[in-house]
Amino acid sequence: MFGDKLDKQLEALAQYDQAMGYMERSGRDYLSNRDAGFYPAFMVINAKEGGGLQYYSIDRITKERLTKAKPDAAARKWAELRDRIKAALTPEEWKEASRSTQYAHYTSKQVVKAMWDTMGRMGFKGGSILEPGAGIGVFPGIMPSSMANSSIYTGIEFDSITGGILKQLFPDERIRVESFIDSQLPKNFYDVAAGNPPFNNTAILADPAYKKYAFALHDYFFAKTIDSVKPGGLVMFVTSRYTMDKLNDKARAYLSERADLVGAIRLPQTAFTLLVTLTPLLRYSVTYLLTLLTHTHTYSYS
């Protein structure tokens, strides 16, 4: 959608059509290296086979071989969608949407439902809820009605377009369109926190309260959230496996001083396969981790 990948796919489709059209007009089921359509046919096949072919090593390209190398025609539909979206946004909004793909995550409804069910089994029937990195509101949207009717939800979303959608969908909730770094949250206040915060290795240094820790983005979300949840409260996040697996235990030590790990589930790489199937915006090969923490005590933040 963003960058030049889609344009390259469109170019490959154009080359395929050009080569196939020439072949059909010639009345043959192949192209020789003297035919005008040979070069675009070669480019399509070379891209399909990894780029290792030598141009002068091939005398002819058959229709069968070219057909097998046909680029995905869905790129044209994605290009139409991209152009429609781009026309509806200002240049700055388009840039912001492009930046957001670095951190945006799809969360399947099945996973969110299971998370709320777990919260309920842990005894949470309603209260104050925090979701940093709220997106368009999958978590409040799937929250059981009995829980939602007894809760006050606060959602924080950095991207202005996504946050605007979130506000429209949940006008009665506390929606803050701002960077989580800039969010001024009360300590030991929320009953629970849930979500799928962004993960990235970028060290967060802009928040004075956490600058000395230089936490990676997802670790920062964990730390600031656990500090905002009251003792006895719950934090349930979908995160990358590196929250538990990385050698540097700085973030884990910070959390262990303030919370107990209630449980963690390693999700398969196919947990969010729907995203890869439906959109070329984001493609991850990540083992996700579902973690549940309980804030054990009030910590001194001096």
Protein backbone atom coordinates (compact mmCIF):
# COMPACT_ATOMS: atom_id res chain seq x y z
CA MET A 1 0.00 0.00 0.00
CA PHE A 2 2.81 2.36 0.94
CA GLY A 3 6.26 2.58 -0.60
CA ASP A 4 7.05 1.28 -4.08
CA LYS A 5 6.26 -2.42 -3.66
CA LEU A 6 2.77 -2.10 -5.11
CA ASP A 7 4.04 -0.01 -8.03
CA LYS A 8 6.58 -2.72 -8.83
CA GLN A 9 3.81 -5.32 -8.82
CA LEU A 10 1.80 -3.17 -11.22
CA GLU A 11 4.83 -2.81 -13.48
CA ALA A 12 5.29 -6.58 -13.51
CA LEU A 13 1.63 -7.06 -14.45
CA ALA A 14 2.00 -4.59 -17.30
CA GLN A 15 5.08 -6.46 -18.55
CA TYR A 16 3.19 -9.74 -18.36
CA ASP A 17 0.27 -8.34 -20.35
CA GLN A 18 2.65 -6.87 -22.91
CA ALA A 19 4.50 -10.17 -23.40
CA MET A 20 1.35 -12.28 -23.49
CA GLY A 21 -0.29 -9.88 -25.94
CA TYR A 22 2.64 -10.08 -28.33
CA MET A 23 2.65 -13.86 -28.10
CA GLU A 24 -1.05 -14.06 -28.95
CA ARG A 25 -0.66 -11.70 -31.89
CA SER A 26 2.26 -13.73 -33.22
CA GLY A 27 0.14 -16.88 -33.26
CA ARG A 28 2.86 -18.85 -31.47
CA ASP A 29 3.01 -20.35 -28.00
CA TYR A 30 6.52 -19.03 -27.35
CA LEU A 31 8.70 -15.93 -27.70
CA SER A 32 12.21 -16.02 -29.10
CA ASN A 33 14.91 -13.65 -27.94
CA ARG A 34 14.43 -11.70 -31.17
CA ASP A 35 10.79 -10.90 -30.46
CA ALA A 36 9.76 -7.53 -29.08
CA GLY A 37 7.84 -9.19 -26.25
CA PHE A 38 10.78 -11.27 -25.10
CA TYR A 39 12.32 -8.67 -22.79
CA PRO A 40 9.18 -8.01 -20.68
CA ALA A 41 8.56 -11.78 -20.54
CA PHE A 42 12.12 -12.30 -19.31
CA MET A 43 11.68 -9.60 -16.64
CA VAL A 44 8.51 -11.27 -15.32
CA ILE A 45 10.12 -14.72 -15.15
CA ASN A 46 13.35 -13.42 -13.69
CA ALA A 47 11.46 -11.66 -10.89
CA LYS A 48 9.40 -14.78 -10.20
CA GLU A 49 12.46 -17.02 -10.04
CA GLY A 50 14.49 -14.80 -7.74
CA GLY A 51 16.48 -12.65 -10.15
CA GLY A 52 19.26 -15.08 -10.99
CA LEU A 53 18.59 -15.62 -14.69
CA GLN A 54 21.01 -14.45 -17.39
CA TYR A 55 19.31 -12.70 -20.29
CA TYR A 56 21.46 -14.18 -23.04
CA SER A 57 21.26 -17.72 -21.64
CA ILE A 58 17.62 -18.13 -22.74
CA ASP A 59 16.65 -18.56 -26.39
CA ARG A 60 12.90 -18.74 -25.97
CA ILE A 61 10.16 -18.40 -23.38
CA THR A 62 7.13 -20.62 -23.67
CA LYS A 63 3.59 -19.60 -22.91
CA GLU A 64 3.43 -22.24 -20.19
CA ARG A 65 6.48 -20.84 -18.42
CA LEU A 66 5.22 -17.28 -18.69
CA THR A 67 1.79 -18.23 -17.38
CA LYS A 68 3.32 -19.89 -14.33
CA ALA A 69 5.18 -16.66 -13.59
CA LYS A 70 2.09 -14.44 -13.83
CA PRO A 71 2.15 -11.78 -11.08
CA ASP A 72 -0.74 -11.55 -8.65
CA ALA A 73 -3.52 -9.59 -10.37
CA ALA A 74 -4.88 -8.53 -6.96
CA ALA A 75 -2.28 -5.75 -7.02
CA ARG A 76 -4.57 -3.80 -9.36
CA LYS A 77 -7.41 -3.88 -6.82
CA TRP A 78 -5.06 -2.81 -4.07
CA ALA A 79 -3.81 0.01 -6.29
CA GLU A 80 -7.38 1.19 -6.83
CA LEU A 81 -7.98 1.12 -3.09
CA ARG A 82 -4.72 2.96 -2.44
CA ASP A 83 -5.61 5.68 -4.93
CA ARG A 84 -9.07 6.11 -3.38
CA ILE A 85 -7.61 6.39 0.11
CA LYS A 86 -4.85 8.73 -1.02
CA ALA A 87 -7.40 11.00 -2.71
CA ALA A 88 -9.41 11.19 0.52
CA LEU A 89 -6.40 12.16 2.68
CA THR A 90 -4.24 15.22 2.84
CA PRO A 91 -0.53 14.74 2.07
CA GLU A 92 0.25 14.96 5.79
CA GLU A 93 -2.45 12.42 6.65
CA TRP A 94 -1.05 10.07 4.01
CA LYS A 95 2.42 10.36 5.55
CA GLU A 96 0.98 9.72 9.00
CA ALA A 97 -0.89 6.66 7.75
CA SER A 98 2.33 5.39 6.21
CA ARG A 99 4.23 5.85 9.47
CA SER A 100 1.54 4.04 11.43
CA THR A 101 2.16 0.79 9.55
CA GLN A 102 5.40 0.39 11.52
CA TYR A 103 3.45 -0.11 14.72
CA ALA A 104 -0.13 -1.04 13.80
CA HIS A 105 -1.25 -4.58 14.60
CA TYR A 106 -4.28 -6.61 13.73
CA THR A 107 -5.85 -8.44 16.67
CA SER A 108 -8.26 -11.24 15.84
CA LYS A 109 -11.69 -11.18 17.42
CA GLN A 110 -11.20 -14.70 18.76
CA VAL A 111 -8.11 -13.62 20.70
CA VAL A 112 -9.79 -10.51 22.10
CA LYS A 113 -12.88 -12.47 23.14
CA ALA A 114 -10.70 -15.04 24.91
CA MET A 115 -8.87 -12.24 26.73
CA TRP A 116 -12.10 -10.71 28.03
CA ASP A 117 -13.37 -14.16 29.01
CA THR A 118 -10.18 -14.68 31.00
CA MET A 119 -10.60 -11.31 32.69
CA GLY A 120 -14.10 -12.38 33.70
CA ARG A 121 -12.90 -15.69 35.09
CA MET A 122 -10.28 -13.78 37.08
CA GLY A 123 -13.12 -11.92 38.77
CA PHE A 124 -13.30 -8.69 36.78
CA LYS A 125 -16.94 -7.76 36.19
CA GLY A 126 -16.47 -4.07 35.50
CA GLY A 127 -14.43 -1.04 36.51
CA SER A 128 -11.90 1.36 35.04
CA ILE A 129 -10.18 0.00 31.92
CA LEU A 130 -7.09 1.30 30.12
CA GLU A 131 -6.06 0.41 26.59
CA PRO A 132 -2.91 2.08 25.26
CA GLY A 133 -2.56 1.77 21.49
CA ALA A 134 -6.30 1.30 21.11
CA GLY A 135 -6.54 1.30 17.32
CA ILE A 136 -10.13 1.57 16.11
CA GLY A 137 -11.51 -0.19 19.18
CA VAL A 138 -11.56 -3.94 18.72
CA PHE A 139 -11.21 -4.47 22.48
CA PRO A 140 -14.09 -2.23 23.63
CA GLY A 141 -16.13 -3.40 20.66
CA ILE A 142 -15.96 -7.05 21.70
CA MET A 143 -16.13 -6.48 25.43
CA PRO A 144 -19.10 -8.37 26.96
CA SER A 145 -22.04 -6.01 27.36
CA SER A 146 -22.42 -6.78 31.07
CA MET A 147 -18.78 -5.81 31.61
CA ALA A 148 -18.99 -2.75 29.35
CA ASN A 149 -22.10 -1.43 31.11
CA SER A 150 -20.23 -1.49 34.40
CA SER A 151 -16.97 -0.01 33.14
CA ILE A 152 -15.31 3.25 32.21
CA TYR A 153 -13.00 2.72 29.24
CA THR A 154 -10.01 4.91 28.43
CA GLY A 155 -8.46 4.35 25.00
CA ILE A 156 -5.27 6.06 23.87
CA GLU A 157 -4.37 6.12 20.17
CA PHE A 158 -1.49 8.01 18.57
CA ASP A 159 -2.57 7.97 14.92
CA SER A 160 -5.01 10.82 14.30
CA ILE A 161 -7.03 9.05 11.61
CA THR A 162 -7.36 5.85 13.62
CA GLY A 163 -8.10 7.85 16.75
CA GLY A 164 -10.77 9.81 14.91
CA ILE A 165 -12.47 6.56 13.91
CA LEU A 166 -12.20 5.35 17.51
CA LYS A 167 -13.93 8.52 18.74
CA GLN A 168 -16.74 8.13 16.24
CA LEU A 169 -17.31 4.50 17.17
CA PHE A 170 -17.19 5.09 20.94
CA PRO A 171 -18.37 8.65 21.55
CA ASP A 172 -19.29 7.97 25.19
CA GLU A 173 -15.88 6.60 26.18
CA ARG A 174 -12.75 8.45 27.21
CA ILE A 175 -10.76 8.53 23.99
CA ARG A 176 -7.46 10.38 23.88
CA VAL A 177 -5.78 10.88 20.52
CA GLU A 178 -2.19 11.41 21.55
CA SER A 179 1.13 9.67 21.92
CA PHE A 180 1.23 7.32 24.89
CA ILE A 181 4.53 9.01 25.72
CA ASP A 182 2.67 12.28 26.27
CA SER A 183 -0.21 10.72 28.20
CA GLN A 184 -0.39 11.90 31.79
CA LEU A 185 -1.87 8.95 33.63
CA PRO A 186 -2.60 8.60 37.34
CA LYS A 187 -0.57 6.03 39.23
CA ASN A 188 -2.31 2.99 40.68
CA PHE A 189 -5.68 4.00 39.25
CA TYR A 190 -7.08 1.58 36.66
CA ASP A 191 -8.61 -1.75 37.57
CA VAL A 192 -7.40 -3.53 34.43
CA ALA A 193 -5.54 -2.85 31.21
CA ALA A 194 -5.79 -4.86 28.02
CA GLY A 195 -4.64 -4.55 24.45
CA ASN A 196 -2.14 -5.30 21.74
CA PRO A 197 0.39 -2.49 22.09
CA PRO A 198 2.94 -1.76 19.36
CA PHE A 199 6.31 -3.44 19.55
CA ASN A 200 9.59 -2.12 18.24
CA ASN A 201 13.21 -2.04 19.38
CA THR A 202 13.29 1.76 19.41
CA ALA A 203 14.38 3.01 22.84
CA ILE A 204 11.87 5.42 24.36
CA LEU A 205 13.69 8.45 25.77
CA ALA A 206 11.09 11.19 25.42
CA ASP A 207 9.18 10.39 28.62
CA PRO A 208 11.11 11.92 31.54
CA ALA A 209 9.67 9.42 34.01
CA TYR A 210 11.09 6.45 32.08
CA LYS A 211 14.02 7.97 30.20
CA LYS A 212 16.66 6.40 32.45
CA TYR A 213 15.41 2.91 31.58
CA ALA A 214 15.56 3.40 27.79
CA PHE A 215 12.93 0.70 27.37
CA ALA A 216 12.11 -0.66 23.93
CA LEU A 217 8.70 0.51 22.74
CA HIS A 218 6.69 -2.53 23.86
CA ASP A 219 8.55 -2.72 27.19
CA TYR A 220 7.74 0.94 27.75
CA PHE A 221 4.05 0.23 27.21
CA PHE A 222 4.22 -2.56 29.77
CA ALA A 223 6.06 -0.45 32.34
CA LYS A 224 3.88 2.65 32.09
CA THR A 225 0.71 0.58 32.06
CA ILE A 226 1.57 -1.52 35.10
CA ASP A 227 2.37 1.68 36.98
CA SER A 228 -1.09 3.01 36.08
CA VAL A 229 -2.98 -0.06 37.27
CA LYS A 230 -3.92 -0.28 40.96
CA PRO A 231 -2.58 -3.03 43.23
CA GLY A 232 -4.53 -6.21 42.59
CA GLY A 233 -5.36 -5.03 39.08
CA LEU A 234 -4.71 -6.99 35.92
CA VAL A 235 -2.70 -6.23 32.77
CA MET A 236 -3.23 -8.49 29.77
CA PHE A 237 -1.29 -7.73 26.60
CA VAL A 238 -0.52 -9.42 23.31
CA THR A 239 3.17 -8.85 22.69
CA SER A 240 6.12 -10.31 20.80
CA ARG A 241 8.00 -13.27 22.20
CA TYR A 242 11.01 -11.04 22.95
CA THR A 243 9.24 -9.70 26.02
CA MET A 244 10.14 -13.03 27.61
CA ASP A 245 12.95 -14.33 25.42
CA LYS A 246 15.47 -11.53 25.00
CA LEU A 247 18.71 -11.75 26.96
CA ASN A 248 18.43 -8.27 28.48
CA ASP A 249 16.14 -8.67 31.48
CA LYS A 250 15.90 -4.97 32.37
CA ALA A 251 12.22 -4.71 31.50
CA ARG A 252 11.32 -8.05 33.09
CA ALA A 253 13.10 -7.01 36.29
CA TYR A 254 11.16 -3.75 36.33
CA LEU A 255 7.86 -5.59 35.98
CA SER A 256 8.74 -8.30 38.51
CA GLU A 257 9.33 -5.63 41.15
CA ARG A 258 5.78 -4.38 40.65
CA ALA A 259 3.73 -7.32 39.44
CA ASP A 260 3.36 -11.09 39.44
CA LEU A 261 3.16 -13.06 36.23
CA VAL A 262 -0.19 -14.83 36.36
CA GLY A 263 0.27 -16.61 33.05
CA ALA A 264 1.63 -16.47 29.54
CA ILE A 265 0.59 -18.28 26.37
CA ARG A 266 2.76 -18.54 23.30
CA LEU A 267 0.55 -18.07 20.27
CA PRO A 268 1.43 -19.70 16.93
CA GLN A 269 2.64 -17.66 13.99
CA THR A 270 -0.75 -18.29 12.39
CA ALA A 271 -2.65 -16.62 15.26
CA PHE A 272 -3.24 -13.53 13.13
CA THR A 273 -3.11 -15.13 9.69
CA LEU A 274 -6.19 -13.17 8.61
CA LEU A 275 -4.06 -10.05 8.36
CA VAL A 276 -1.62 -11.59 5.93
CA THR A 277 -4.49 -12.99 3.89
CA LEU A 278 -6.49 -9.79 3.59
CA THR A 279 -4.03 -6.94 3.28
CA PRO A 280 -0.50 -6.23 2.08
CA LEU A 281 -0.15 -3.39 4.59
CA LEU A 282 1.62 -5.46 7.21
CA ARG A 283 3.30 -8.81 7.00
CA TYR A 284 4.88 -10.32 10.09
CA SER A 285 6.40 -13.65 10.92
CA VAL A 286 6.20 -13.35 14.67
CA THR A 287 5.52 -15.69 17.53
CA TYR A 288 3.12 -13.73 19.69
CA LEU A 289 2.90 -13.98 23.44
CA LEU A 290 -0.23 -13.41 25.49
CA THR A 291 0.74 -12.26 28.97
CA LEU A 292 -1.31 -11.67 32.11
CA LEU A 293 0.19 -9.73 35.00
CA THR A 294 -1.28 -8.61 38.30
CA HIS A 295 -0.02 -5.47 40.01
CA THR A 296 1.01 -6.65 43.45
CA HIS A 297 1.75 -3.49 45.39
CA THR A 298 2.12 0.26 45.28
CA TYR A 299 5.67 1.09 44.27
CA SER A 300 7.65 4.20 45.16
CA TYR A 301 8.29 6.16 41.95
CA SER A 302 10.66 8.72 43.36
